[in-house]
Amino acid sequence: MAHYDIYQSLGLERFASSTDLAQQIDDRLAAVGPGDAGAREELTVARSILGDETRRGLYDQRLDDPSAAEIDIDSLRELASLNLGGQAGGSAAPTGSGKGQQFQQQAGQFARTAGAKTAEASHQVQDSFKQSKGLAIIVTAVVTAVVVGVAGWALGLFGKTEDKAAKGLVNEMLDKNNSDDLRSWIQDNSTHQDRDEVMSSLKLSGDDSFNGMDALFGGSDLSAGTRVLDAEQLKMSLGSSSKDFYEGAEDEGYTREEIDSTVFIAVIDKNDKPRGAVGMLERDGDFQIIAVETLD
């Protein structure tokens, strides 16, 4: 089924800047009569999405992917109300109903949790480019992209991707509830450059104490969920800094092919609620873990 194309529906030029589109939509909103609730809602939702570069970037990427989950009015409302770093979305973008509503509610819950971290993390990414190189950056940069991308609506970008090998690795890790077994497994299934950070995230180093996966992620009956980020989403998050990122990563021994294989898989609980994500890249034909993130 075709995606809901806001540009076409409202006769807007796609090449226009977000600032210009916001002004055009504001002008139209000012002319809408008080009794035309439908037109007002469509314009308000459009204003929240196209007038914000982050929301617009998520929308444009999904709009251009015919294999992505359908963009319908419910998903547009969800994107419009997405909290990005404390910003409120469209005030007149109420939750709708329909077959996608349950998923959107779950994604929205994740968005409310993750959104508060976005602004700070975005600044950390830029700072990290000034202070360090390589895959030390990817963890910070990817976390930012996960916060933005997992935070609800962008999950739909990857709804039809199977990722059997990546999900299998996540499920294998989630089965390790003994600290010694997990530590040994991580030694064999993580990149050597990121191993210390992964160990720390799993509370396997220093004074931390690993008490099982349920305690770590804050949920029960954990399993691998959908893909929430890949290299394309990462590059969208990095923007003009992606060239520096690649160069820094290559300096630390990562190939461009490895970086382009990056994928993050959600960790979900028995109620399909997202509890975190596991990042990995493909090396020598197998996935290797580069990051483990929980939603604290």
C-alpha atoms as a PDB file:
ATOM      1  CA  MET A   1       0.000   0.000   0.000  1.00  0.00           C
ATOM      2  CA  ALA A   2       1.275   3.502  -0.835  1.00  0.00           C
ATOM      3  CA  HIS A   3       2.708   5.728   1.871  1.00  0.00           C
ATOM      4  CA  TYR A   4       0.859   8.859   2.985  1.00  0.00           C
ATOM      5  CA  ASP A   5       2.782  11.603   1.139  1.00  0.00           C
ATOM      6  CA  ILE A   6       2.350  14.877   3.019  1.00  0.00           C
ATOM      7  CA  TYR A   7       4.144  16.861   0.339  1.00  0.00           C
ATOM      8  CA  GLN A   8       1.781  15.651  -2.369  1.00  0.00           C
ATOM      9  CA  SER A   9      -1.321  15.923  -0.210  1.00  0.00           C
ATOM     10  CA  LEU A  10      -0.632  19.557   0.662  1.00  0.00           C
ATOM     11  CA  GLY A  11       1.048  20.559  -2.602  1.00  0.00           C
ATOM     12  CA  LEU A  12       4.364  21.352  -0.913  1.00  0.00           C
ATOM     13  CA  GLU A  13       7.764  21.428  -2.612  1.00  0.00           C
ATOM     14  CA  ARG A  14       9.962  18.696  -1.193  1.00  0.00           C
ATOM     15  CA  PHE A  15      13.202  20.585  -1.889  1.00  0.00           C
ATOM     16  CA  ALA A  16      12.089  23.526   0.294  1.00  0.00           C
ATOM     17  CA  SER A  17      13.811  23.993   3.647  1.00  0.00           C
ATOM     18  CA  SER A  18      12.092  22.976   6.869  1.00  0.00           C
ATOM     19  CA  THR A  19      11.960  26.633   7.878  1.00  0.00           C
ATOM     20  CA  ASP A  20      10.189  27.602   4.652  1.00  0.00           C
ATOM     21  CA  LEU A  21       7.757  24.700   4.912  1.00  0.00           C
ATOM     22  CA  ALA A  22       6.939  25.604   8.502  1.00  0.00           C
ATOM     23  CA  GLN A  23       6.133  29.174   7.444  1.00  0.00           C
ATOM     24  CA  GLN A  24       3.965  28.023   4.532  1.00  0.00           C
ATOM     25  CA  ILE A  25       2.005  25.684   6.766  1.00  0.00           C
ATOM     26  CA  ASP A  26       1.630  28.346   9.467  1.00  0.00           C
ATOM     27  CA  ASP A  27       0.134  30.677   6.850  1.00  0.00           C
ATOM     28  CA  ARG A  28      -2.357  28.007   5.826  1.00  0.00           C
ATOM     29  CA  LEU A  29      -3.246  27.254   9.442  1.00  0.00           C
ATOM     30  CA  ALA A  30      -4.035  30.913  10.016  1.00  0.00           C
ATOM     31  CA  ALA A  31      -6.564  30.769   7.173  1.00  0.00           C
ATOM     32  CA  VAL A  32      -8.352  27.589   8.317  1.00  0.00           C
ATOM     33  CA  GLY A  33     -11.842  28.175   9.658  1.00  0.00           C
ATOM     34  CA  PRO A  34     -12.664  27.091  13.222  1.00  0.00           C
ATOM     35  CA  GLY A  35     -15.108  24.461  11.987  1.00  0.00           C
ATOM     36  CA  ASP A  36     -12.660  22.643   9.709  1.00  0.00           C
ATOM     37  CA  ALA A  37     -11.088  20.307  12.257  1.00  0.00           C
ATOM     38  CA  GLY A  38      -9.839  17.835   9.646  1.00  0.00           C
ATOM     39  CA  ALA A  39      -7.839  20.400   7.708  1.00  0.00           C
ATOM     40  CA  ARG A  40      -6.474  21.884  10.907  1.00  0.00           C
ATOM     41  CA  GLU A  41      -5.266  18.511  12.150  1.00  0.00           C
ATOM     42  CA  GLU A  42      -3.606  17.617   8.841  1.00  0.00           C
ATOM     43  CA  LEU A  43      -1.770  20.933   8.743  1.00  0.00           C
ATOM     44  CA  THR A  44      -0.762  20.739  12.397  1.00  0.00           C
ATOM     45  CA  VAL A  45       0.632  17.231  11.991  1.00  0.00           C
ATOM     46  CA  ALA A  46       2.443  18.309   8.820  1.00  0.00           C
ATOM     47  CA  ARG A  47       3.862  21.365  10.605  1.00  0.00           C
ATOM     48  CA  SER A  48       5.272  19.227  13.425  1.00  0.00           C
ATOM     49  CA  ILE A  49       6.937  16.826  10.994  1.00  0.00           C
ATOM     50  CA  LEU A  50       8.128  18.955   8.082  1.00  0.00           C
ATOM     51  CA  GLY A  51       9.033  21.925  10.253  1.00  0.00           C
ATOM     52  CA  ASP A  52      11.474  19.865  12.335  1.00  0.00           C
ATOM     53  CA  GLU A  53      14.589  18.555  10.577  1.00  0.00           C
ATOM     54  CA  THR A  54      14.899  15.416  12.716  1.00  0.00           C
ATOM     55  CA  ARG A  55      11.265  14.353  12.310  1.00  0.00           C
ATOM     56  CA  ARG A  56      11.404  15.306   8.638  1.00  0.00           C
ATOM     57  CA  GLY A  57      14.541  13.209   8.138  1.00  0.00           C
ATOM     58  CA  LEU A  58      12.836  10.168   9.648  1.00  0.00           C
ATOM     59  CA  TYR A  59       9.740  10.778   7.539  1.00  0.00           C
ATOM     60  CA  ASP A  60      11.646  11.285   4.278  1.00  0.00           C
ATOM     61  CA  GLN A  61      13.721   8.148   4.734  1.00  0.00           C
ATOM     62  CA  ARG A  62      10.661   6.011   5.340  1.00  0.00           C
ATOM     63  CA  LEU A  63       8.716   7.724   2.539  1.00  0.00           C
ATOM     64  CA  ASP A  64      11.461   6.791   0.080  1.00  0.00           C
ATOM     65  CA  ASP A  65      11.441   3.114   1.105  1.00  0.00           C
ATOM     66  CA  PRO A  66       8.553   1.219  -0.536  1.00  0.00           C
ATOM     67  CA  SER A  67       9.380  -1.865   1.549  1.00  0.00           C
ATOM     68  CA  ALA A  68       9.085  -0.011   4.869  1.00  0.00           C
ATOM     69  CA  ALA A  69       6.009  -0.278   7.055  1.00  0.00           C
ATOM     70  CA  GLU A  70       3.128   1.762   5.670  1.00  0.00           C
ATOM     71  CA  ILE A  71       2.939   5.428   6.584  1.00  0.00           C
ATOM     72  CA  ASP A  72      -0.645   6.053   7.608  1.00  0.00           C
ATOM     73  CA  ILE A  73      -2.367   8.760   9.617  1.00  0.00           C
ATOM     74  CA  ASP A  74      -1.752   6.941  12.908  1.00  0.00           C
ATOM     75  CA  SER A  75       1.992   6.735  12.320  1.00  0.00           C
ATOM     76  CA  LEU A  76       2.071  10.394  11.249  1.00  0.00           C
ATOM     77  CA  ARG A  77       0.373  11.399  14.490  1.00  0.00           C
ATOM     78  CA  GLU A  78       2.931   9.369  16.408  1.00  0.00           C
ATOM     79  CA  LEU A  79       5.843  11.012  14.608  1.00  0.00           C
ATOM     80  CA  ALA A  80       4.346  14.478  15.067  1.00  0.00           C
ATOM     81  CA  SER A  81       4.081  13.985  18.826  1.00  0.00           C
ATOM     82  CA  LEU A  82       7.519  12.401  19.188  1.00  0.00           C
ATOM     83  CA  ASN A  83       9.480  13.981  22.027  1.00  0.00           C
ATOM     84  CA  LEU A  84      12.980  14.765  20.744  1.00  0.00           C
ATOM     85  CA  GLY A  85      15.208  16.037  23.486  1.00  0.00           C
ATOM     86  CA  GLY A  86      12.396  17.625  25.464  1.00  0.00           C
ATOM     87  CA  GLN A  87      10.654  19.186  22.475  1.00  0.00           C
ATOM     88  CA  ALA A  88       6.962  18.686  22.343  1.00  0.00           C
ATOM     89  CA  GLY A  89       5.474  17.531  19.098  1.00  0.00           C
ATOM     90  CA  GLY A  90       2.346  18.821  17.465  1.00  0.00           C
ATOM     91  CA  SER A  91      -0.159  19.836  20.081  1.00  0.00           C
ATOM     92  CA  ALA A  92      -3.042  18.849  17.858  1.00  0.00           C
ATOM     93  CA  ALA A  93      -1.795  15.418  16.893  1.00  0.00           C
ATOM     94  CA  PRO A  94      -4.033  13.146  18.954  1.00  0.00           C
ATOM     95  CA  THR A  95      -3.572   9.402  19.102  1.00  0.00           C
ATOM     96  CA  GLY A  96      -5.670   7.739  16.433  1.00  0.00           C
ATOM     97  CA  SER A  97      -7.077   4.263  16.098  1.00  0.00           C
ATOM     98  CA  GLY A  98      -6.406   1.490  13.633  1.00  0.00           C
ATOM     99  CA  LYS A  99      -4.433  -1.673  13.130  1.00  0.00           C
ATOM    100  CA  GLY A 100      -1.121   0.076  13.786  1.00  0.00           C
ATOM    101  CA  GLN A 101      -2.192   1.720  17.020  1.00  0.00           C
ATOM    102  CA  GLN A 102      -0.882  -0.933  19.426  1.00  0.00           C
ATOM    103  CA  PHE A 103       2.575  -0.810  17.881  1.00  0.00           C
ATOM    104  CA  GLN A 104       2.582   2.966  17.837  1.00  0.00           C
ATOM    105  CA  GLN A 105       1.625   3.087  21.516  1.00  0.00           C
ATOM    106  CA  GLN A 106       4.502   0.768  22.407  1.00  0.00           C
ATOM    107  CA  ALA A 107       6.904   2.783  20.291  1.00  0.00           C
ATOM    108  CA  GLY A 108       5.622   5.995  21.785  1.00  0.00           C
ATOM    109  CA  GLN A 109       6.305   4.713  25.283  1.00  0.00           C
ATOM    110  CA  PHE A 110       9.883   4.057  24.268  1.00  0.00           C
ATOM    111  CA  ALA A 111      10.005   7.532  22.748  1.00  0.00           C
ATOM    112  CA  ARG A 112       8.974   9.204  25.981  1.00  0.00           C
ATOM    113  CA  THR A 113      11.705   7.340  27.859  1.00  0.00           C
ATOM    114  CA  ALA A 114      14.451   7.868  25.311  1.00  0.00           C
ATOM    115  CA  GLY A 115      13.549  11.317  24.077  1.00  0.00           C
ATOM    116  CA  ALA A 116      14.787  13.112  27.178  1.00  0.00           C
ATOM    117  CA  LYS A 117      18.301  11.833  26.482  1.00  0.00           C
ATOM    118  CA  THR A 118      18.461  12.952  22.872  1.00  0.00           C
ATOM    119  CA  ALA A 119      19.671  16.542  23.109  1.00  0.00           C
ATOM    120  CA  GLU A 120      22.516  15.778  25.492  1.00  0.00           C
ATOM    121  CA  ALA A 121      23.603  12.740  23.468  1.00  0.00           C
ATOM    122  CA  SER A 122      23.595  14.745  20.236  1.00  0.00           C
ATOM    123  CA  HIS A 123      26.058  17.208  21.730  1.00  0.00           C
ATOM    124  CA  GLN A 124      28.185  14.331  23.013  1.00  0.00           C
ATOM    125  CA  VAL A 125      28.506  12.970  19.487  1.00  0.00           C
ATOM    126  CA  GLN A 126      29.869  16.238  18.152  1.00  0.00           C
ATOM    127  CA  ASP A 127      32.227  16.606  21.112  1.00  0.00           C
ATOM    128  CA  SER A 128      33.518  13.062  20.662  1.00  0.00           C
ATOM    129  CA  PHE A 129      34.608  13.863  17.115  1.00  0.00           C
ATOM    130  CA  LYS A 130      36.799  16.629  18.502  1.00  0.00           C
ATOM    131  CA  GLN A 131      38.316  14.496  21.258  1.00  0.00           C
ATOM    132  CA  SER A 132      38.770  10.975  19.877  1.00  0.00           C
ATOM    133  CA  LYS A 133      38.701   8.705  16.852  1.00  0.00           C
ATOM    134  CA  GLY A 134      37.378   5.355  15.729  1.00  0.00           C
ATOM    135  CA  LEU A 135      34.828   2.963  17.125  1.00  0.00           C
ATOM    136  CA  ALA A 136      34.972   4.676  20.471  1.00  0.00           C
ATOM    137  CA  ILE A 137      32.910   7.186  18.504  1.00  0.00           C
ATOM    138  CA  ILE A 138      30.526   4.651  17.036  1.00  0.00           C
ATOM    139  CA  VAL A 139      29.193   3.712  20.445  1.00  0.00           C
ATOM    140  CA  THR A 140      28.396   7.330  21.312  1.00  0.00           C
ATOM    141  CA  ALA A 141      27.164   8.124  17.821  1.00  0.00           C
ATOM    142  CA  VAL A 142      25.083   4.997  17.524  1.00  0.00           C
ATOM    143  CA  VAL A 143      23.557   5.522  20.942  1.00  0.00           C
ATOM    144  CA  THR A 144      22.417   8.943  19.775  1.00  0.00           C
ATOM    145  CA  ALA A 145      20.940   7.474  16.620  1.00  0.00           C
ATOM    146  CA  VAL A 146      19.263   4.767  18.660  1.00  0.00           C
ATOM    147  CA  VAL A 147      17.791   7.344  20.997  1.00  0.00           C
ATOM    148  CA  VAL A 148      16.447   9.219  17.986  1.00  0.00           C
ATOM    149  CA  GLY A 149      15.622   6.211  15.835  1.00  0.00           C
ATOM    150  CA  VAL A 150      14.332   3.751  18.397  1.00  0.00           C
ATOM    151  CA  ALA A 151      12.338   6.515  19.962  1.00  0.00           C
ATOM    152  CA  GLY A 152       9.256   5.303  18.270  1.00  0.00           C
ATOM    153  CA  TRP A 153       8.466   6.087  14.699  1.00  0.00           C
ATOM    154  CA  ALA A 154      11.692   5.038  12.920  1.00  0.00           C
ATOM    155  CA  LEU A 155      11.148   1.469  14.091  1.00  0.00           C
ATOM    156  CA  GLY A 156       8.811   1.222  11.119  1.00  0.00           C
ATOM    157  CA  LEU A 157      11.752   1.675   8.750  1.00  0.00           C
ATOM    158  CA  PHE A 158      12.898  -1.842   9.421  1.00  0.00           C
ATOM    159  CA  GLY A 159       9.699  -3.724  10.174  1.00  0.00           C
ATOM    160  CA  LYS A 160      10.135  -6.182   7.294  1.00  0.00           C
ATOM    161  CA  THR A 161      13.815  -6.974   7.879  1.00  0.00           C
ATOM    162  CA  GLU A 162      14.392 -10.485   9.238  1.00  0.00           C
ATOM    163  CA  ASP A 163      17.958 -10.179  10.601  1.00  0.00           C
ATOM    164  CA  LYS A 164      18.017 -13.844  11.616  1.00  0.00           C
ATOM    165  CA  ALA A 165      21.740 -13.999  12.352  1.00  0.00           C
ATOM    166  CA  ALA A 166      21.767 -10.746  14.323  1.00  0.00           C
ATOM    167  CA  LYS A 167      18.683 -11.675  16.337  1.00  0.00           C
ATOM    168  CA  GLY A 168      20.148 -15.114  16.967  1.00  0.00           C
ATOM    169  CA  LEU A 169      23.243 -13.537  18.497  1.00  0.00           C
ATOM    170  CA  VAL A 170      21.106 -11.312  20.742  1.00  0.00           C
ATOM    171  CA  ASN A 171      19.006 -14.257  21.927  1.00  0.00           C
ATOM    172  CA  GLU A 172      22.154 -16.266  22.590  1.00  0.00           C
ATOM    173  CA  MET A 173      23.475 -13.463  24.782  1.00  0.00           C
ATOM    174  CA  LEU A 174      20.158 -13.104  26.610  1.00  0.00           C
ATOM    175  CA  ASP A 175      20.328 -16.780  27.577  1.00  0.00           C
ATOM    176  CA  LYS A 176      23.539 -16.158  29.549  1.00  0.00           C
ATOM    177  CA  ASN A 177      22.510 -15.524  33.155  1.00  0.00           C
ATOM    178  CA  ASN A 178      25.746 -16.631  34.816  1.00  0.00           C
ATOM    179  CA  SER A 179      28.433 -13.964  34.977  1.00  0.00           C
ATOM    180  CA  ASP A 180      31.314 -16.344  34.218  1.00  0.00           C
ATOM    181  CA  ASP A 181      29.490 -17.862  31.248  1.00  0.00           C
ATOM    182  CA  LEU A 182      28.553 -14.420  29.942  1.00  0.00           C
ATOM    183  CA  ARG A 183      32.085 -13.076  30.353  1.00  0.00           C
ATOM    184  CA  SER A 184      33.523 -16.020  28.422  1.00  0.00           C
ATOM    185  CA  TRP A 185      30.869 -15.648  25.728  1.00  0.00           C
ATOM    186  CA  ILE A 186      31.553 -11.929  25.317  1.00  0.00           C
ATOM    187  CA  GLN A 187      35.248 -12.682  24.870  1.00  0.00           C
ATOM    188  CA  ASP A 188      34.327 -14.786  21.849  1.00  0.00           C
ATOM    189  CA  ASN A 189      31.533 -12.631  20.439  1.00  0.00           C
ATOM    190  CA  SER A 190      32.588  -8.984  20.689  1.00  0.00           C
ATOM    191  CA  THR A 191      35.067  -6.827  18.801  1.00  0.00           C
ATOM    192  CA  HIS A 192      38.336  -6.508  20.691  1.00  0.00           C
ATOM    193  CA  GLN A 193      38.202  -2.719  20.335  1.00  0.00           C
ATOM    194  CA  ASP A 194      34.841  -2.498  22.114  1.00  0.00           C
ATOM    195  CA  ARG A 195      35.085  -5.430  24.532  1.00  0.00           C
ATOM    196  CA  ASP A 196      35.894  -3.435  27.660  1.00  0.00           C
ATOM    197  CA  GLU A 197      32.956  -1.093  27.089  1.00  0.00           C
ATOM    198  CA  VAL A 198      30.614  -4.011  26.412  1.00  0.00           C
ATOM    199  CA  MET A 199      31.794  -5.719  29.609  1.00  0.00           C
ATOM    200  CA  SER A 200      31.128  -2.527  31.544  1.00  0.00           C
ATOM    201  CA  SER A 201      27.634  -2.181  30.052  1.00  0.00           C
ATOM    202  CA  LEU A 202      26.869  -5.743  31.147  1.00  0.00           C
ATOM    203  CA  LYS A 203      28.137  -4.997  34.685  1.00  0.00           C
ATOM    204  CA  LEU A 204      30.962  -7.485  34.319  1.00  0.00           C
ATOM    205  CA  SER A 205      33.797  -5.142  35.262  1.00  0.00           C
ATOM    206  CA  GLY A 206      34.917  -2.988  38.162  1.00  0.00           C
ATOM    207  CA  ASP A 207      32.687  -2.943  41.215  1.00  0.00           C
ATOM    208  CA  ASP A 208      29.553  -3.753  39.224  1.00  0.00           C
ATOM    209  CA  SER A 209      27.744  -7.025  39.772  1.00  0.00           C
ATOM    210  CA  PHE A 210      25.857  -8.837  37.012  1.00  0.00           C
ATOM    211  CA  ASN A 211      22.602 -10.238  38.431  1.00  0.00           C
ATOM    212  CA  GLY A 212      21.063 -11.706  35.313  1.00  0.00           C
ATOM    213  CA  MET A 213      19.597 -10.309  32.118  1.00  0.00           C
ATOM    214  CA  ASP A 214      16.177  -9.557  33.619  1.00  0.00           C
ATOM    215  CA  ALA A 215      17.758  -7.297  36.232  1.00  0.00           C
ATOM    216  CA  LEU A 216      20.083  -5.679  33.701  1.00  0.00           C
ATOM    217  CA  PHE A 217      17.349  -4.757  31.224  1.00  0.00           C
ATOM    218  CA  GLY A 218      14.529  -4.336  33.738  1.00  0.00           C
ATOM    219  CA  GLY A 219      12.137  -6.871  32.197  1.00  0.00           C
ATOM    220  CA  SER A 220      11.332 -10.568  32.032  1.00  0.00           C
ATOM    221  CA  ASP A 221      11.167 -13.171  29.253  1.00  0.00           C
ATOM    222  CA  LEU A 222      13.558 -11.094  27.183  1.00  0.00           C
ATOM    223  CA  SER A 223      14.120 -11.726  23.494  1.00  0.00           C
ATOM    224  CA  ALA A 224      15.426 -10.060  20.347  1.00  0.00           C
ATOM    225  CA  GLY A 225      12.971  -7.646  18.762  1.00  0.00           C
ATOM    226  CA  THR A 226      13.084  -5.738  15.500  1.00  0.00           C
ATOM    227  CA  ARG A 227      16.019  -3.892  13.976  1.00  0.00           C
ATOM    228  CA  VAL A 228      16.084  -0.358  15.312  1.00  0.00           C
ATOM    229  CA  LEU A 229      19.133   1.041  13.579  1.00  0.00           C
ATOM    230  CA  ASP A 230      21.502   0.299  10.734  1.00  0.00           C
ATOM    231  CA  ALA A 231      24.393   2.047   9.012  1.00  0.00           C
ATOM    232  CA  GLU A 232      22.108   4.196   6.854  1.00  0.00           C
ATOM    233  CA  GLN A 233      20.288   5.507   9.905  1.00  0.00           C
ATOM    234  CA  LEU A 234      23.631   6.069  11.600  1.00  0.00           C
ATOM    235  CA  LYS A 235      24.880   8.144   8.674  1.00  0.00           C
ATOM    236  CA  MET A 236      21.673  10.171   8.727  1.00  0.00           C
ATOM    237  CA  SER A 237      22.294  10.900  12.407  1.00  0.00           C
ATOM    238  CA  LEU A 238      25.912  11.900  11.798  1.00  0.00           C
ATOM    239  CA  GLY A 239      25.145  14.083   8.794  1.00  0.00           C
ATOM    240  CA  SER A 240      28.197  15.975   7.580  1.00  0.00           C
ATOM    241  CA  SER A 241      30.359  14.324  10.253  1.00  0.00           C
ATOM    242  CA  SER A 242      30.060  10.864   8.684  1.00  0.00           C
ATOM    243  CA  LYS A 243      33.258  11.306   6.629  1.00  0.00           C
ATOM    244  CA  ASP A 244      35.282  12.072   9.751  1.00  0.00           C
ATOM    245  CA  PHE A 245      33.631   9.156  11.486  1.00  0.00           C
ATOM    246  CA  TYR A 246      34.639   6.700   8.775  1.00  0.00           C
ATOM    247  CA  GLU A 247      38.202   7.990   8.742  1.00  0.00           C
ATOM    248  CA  GLY A 248      38.499   7.730  12.511  1.00  0.00           C
ATOM    249  CA  ALA A 249      37.067   4.232  12.568  1.00  0.00           C
ATOM    250  CA  GLU A 250      39.434   3.087   9.843  1.00  0.00           C
ATOM    251  CA  ASP A 251      42.373   4.487  11.837  1.00  0.00           C
ATOM    252  CA  GLU A 252      41.441   2.088  14.634  1.00  0.00           C
ATOM    253  CA  GLY A 253      41.324  -0.932  12.357  1.00  0.00           C
ATOM    254  CA  TYR A 254      37.677  -1.099  11.304  1.00  0.00           C
ATOM    255  CA  THR A 255      36.943  -1.449   7.624  1.00  0.00           C
ATOM    256  CA  ARG A 256      34.278   0.559   5.834  1.00  0.00           C
ATOM    257  CA  GLU A 257      32.494  -2.725   5.104  1.00  0.00           C
ATOM    258  CA  GLU A 258      32.369  -3.495   8.824  1.00  0.00           C
ATOM    259  CA  ILE A 259      30.951  -0.080   9.626  1.00  0.00           C
ATOM    260  CA  ASP A 260      28.364  -0.423   6.865  1.00  0.00           C
ATOM    261  CA  SER A 261      27.252  -3.746   8.378  1.00  0.00           C
ATOM    262  CA  THR A 262      26.381  -2.098  11.705  1.00  0.00           C
ATOM    263  CA  VAL A 263      22.971  -3.038  13.056  1.00  0.00           C
ATOM    264  CA  PHE A 264      21.211  -2.543  16.374  1.00  0.00           C
ATOM    265  CA  ILE A 265      18.548  -5.020  17.484  1.00  0.00           C
ATOM    266  CA  ALA A 266      16.003  -4.132  20.164  1.00  0.00           C
ATOM    267  CA  VAL A 267      15.706  -6.171  23.350  1.00  0.00           C
ATOM    268  CA  ILE A 268      12.023  -6.602  24.218  1.00  0.00           C
ATOM    269  CA  ASP A 269      10.195  -8.148  27.171  1.00  0.00           C
ATOM    270  CA  LYS A 270       7.239 -10.529  27.313  1.00  0.00           C
ATOM    271  CA  ASN A 271       4.869  -7.651  26.554  1.00  0.00           C
ATOM    272  CA  ASP A 272       6.908  -6.613  23.478  1.00  0.00           C
ATOM    273  CA  LYS A 273       8.034  -3.507  25.333  1.00  0.00           C
ATOM    274  CA  PRO A 274      11.520  -2.311  24.275  1.00  0.00           C
ATOM    275  CA  ARG A 275      14.066  -2.605  27.085  1.00  0.00           C
ATOM    276  CA  GLY A 276      17.272  -1.730  25.269  1.00  0.00           C
ATOM    277  CA  ALA A 277      19.323  -2.619  22.232  1.00  0.00           C
ATOM    278  CA  VAL A 278      22.403  -4.590  21.212  1.00  0.00           C
ATOM    279  CA  GLY A 279      24.727  -3.206  18.539  1.00  0.00           C
ATOM    280  CA  MET A 280      26.949  -5.336  16.338  1.00  0.00           C
ATOM    281  CA  LEU A 281      28.891  -5.395  13.114  1.00  0.00           C
ATOM    282  CA  GLU A 282      29.898  -8.183  10.774  1.00  0.00           C
ATOM    283  CA  ARG A 283      33.517  -9.335  10.882  1.00  0.00           C
ATOM    284  CA  ASP A 284      34.990 -12.387   9.148  1.00  0.00           C
ATOM    285  CA  GLY A 285      31.512 -13.620   8.283  1.00  0.00           C
ATOM    286  CA  ASP A 286      30.056 -13.414  11.804  1.00  0.00           C
ATOM    287  CA  PHE A 287      28.388 -10.687  13.835  1.00  0.00           C
ATOM    288  CA  GLN A 288      30.432  -9.266  16.724  1.00  0.00           C
ATOM    289  CA  ILE A 289      28.910  -7.139  19.488  1.00  0.00           C
ATOM    290  CA  ILE A 290      30.056  -3.526  19.741  1.00  0.00           C
ATOM    291  CA  ALA A 291      27.582  -2.101  22.275  1.00  0.00           C
ATOM    292  CA  VAL A 292      24.855  -3.041  24.746  1.00  0.00           C
ATOM    293  CA  GLU A 293      22.406  -0.318  25.739  1.00  0.00           C
ATOM    294  CA  THR A 294      19.672  -0.437  28.362  1.00  0.00           C
ATOM    295  CA  LEU A 295      16.839   2.032  28.983  1.00  0.00           C
ATOM    296  CA  ASP A 296      17.556   3.165  32.511  1.00  0.00           C
END
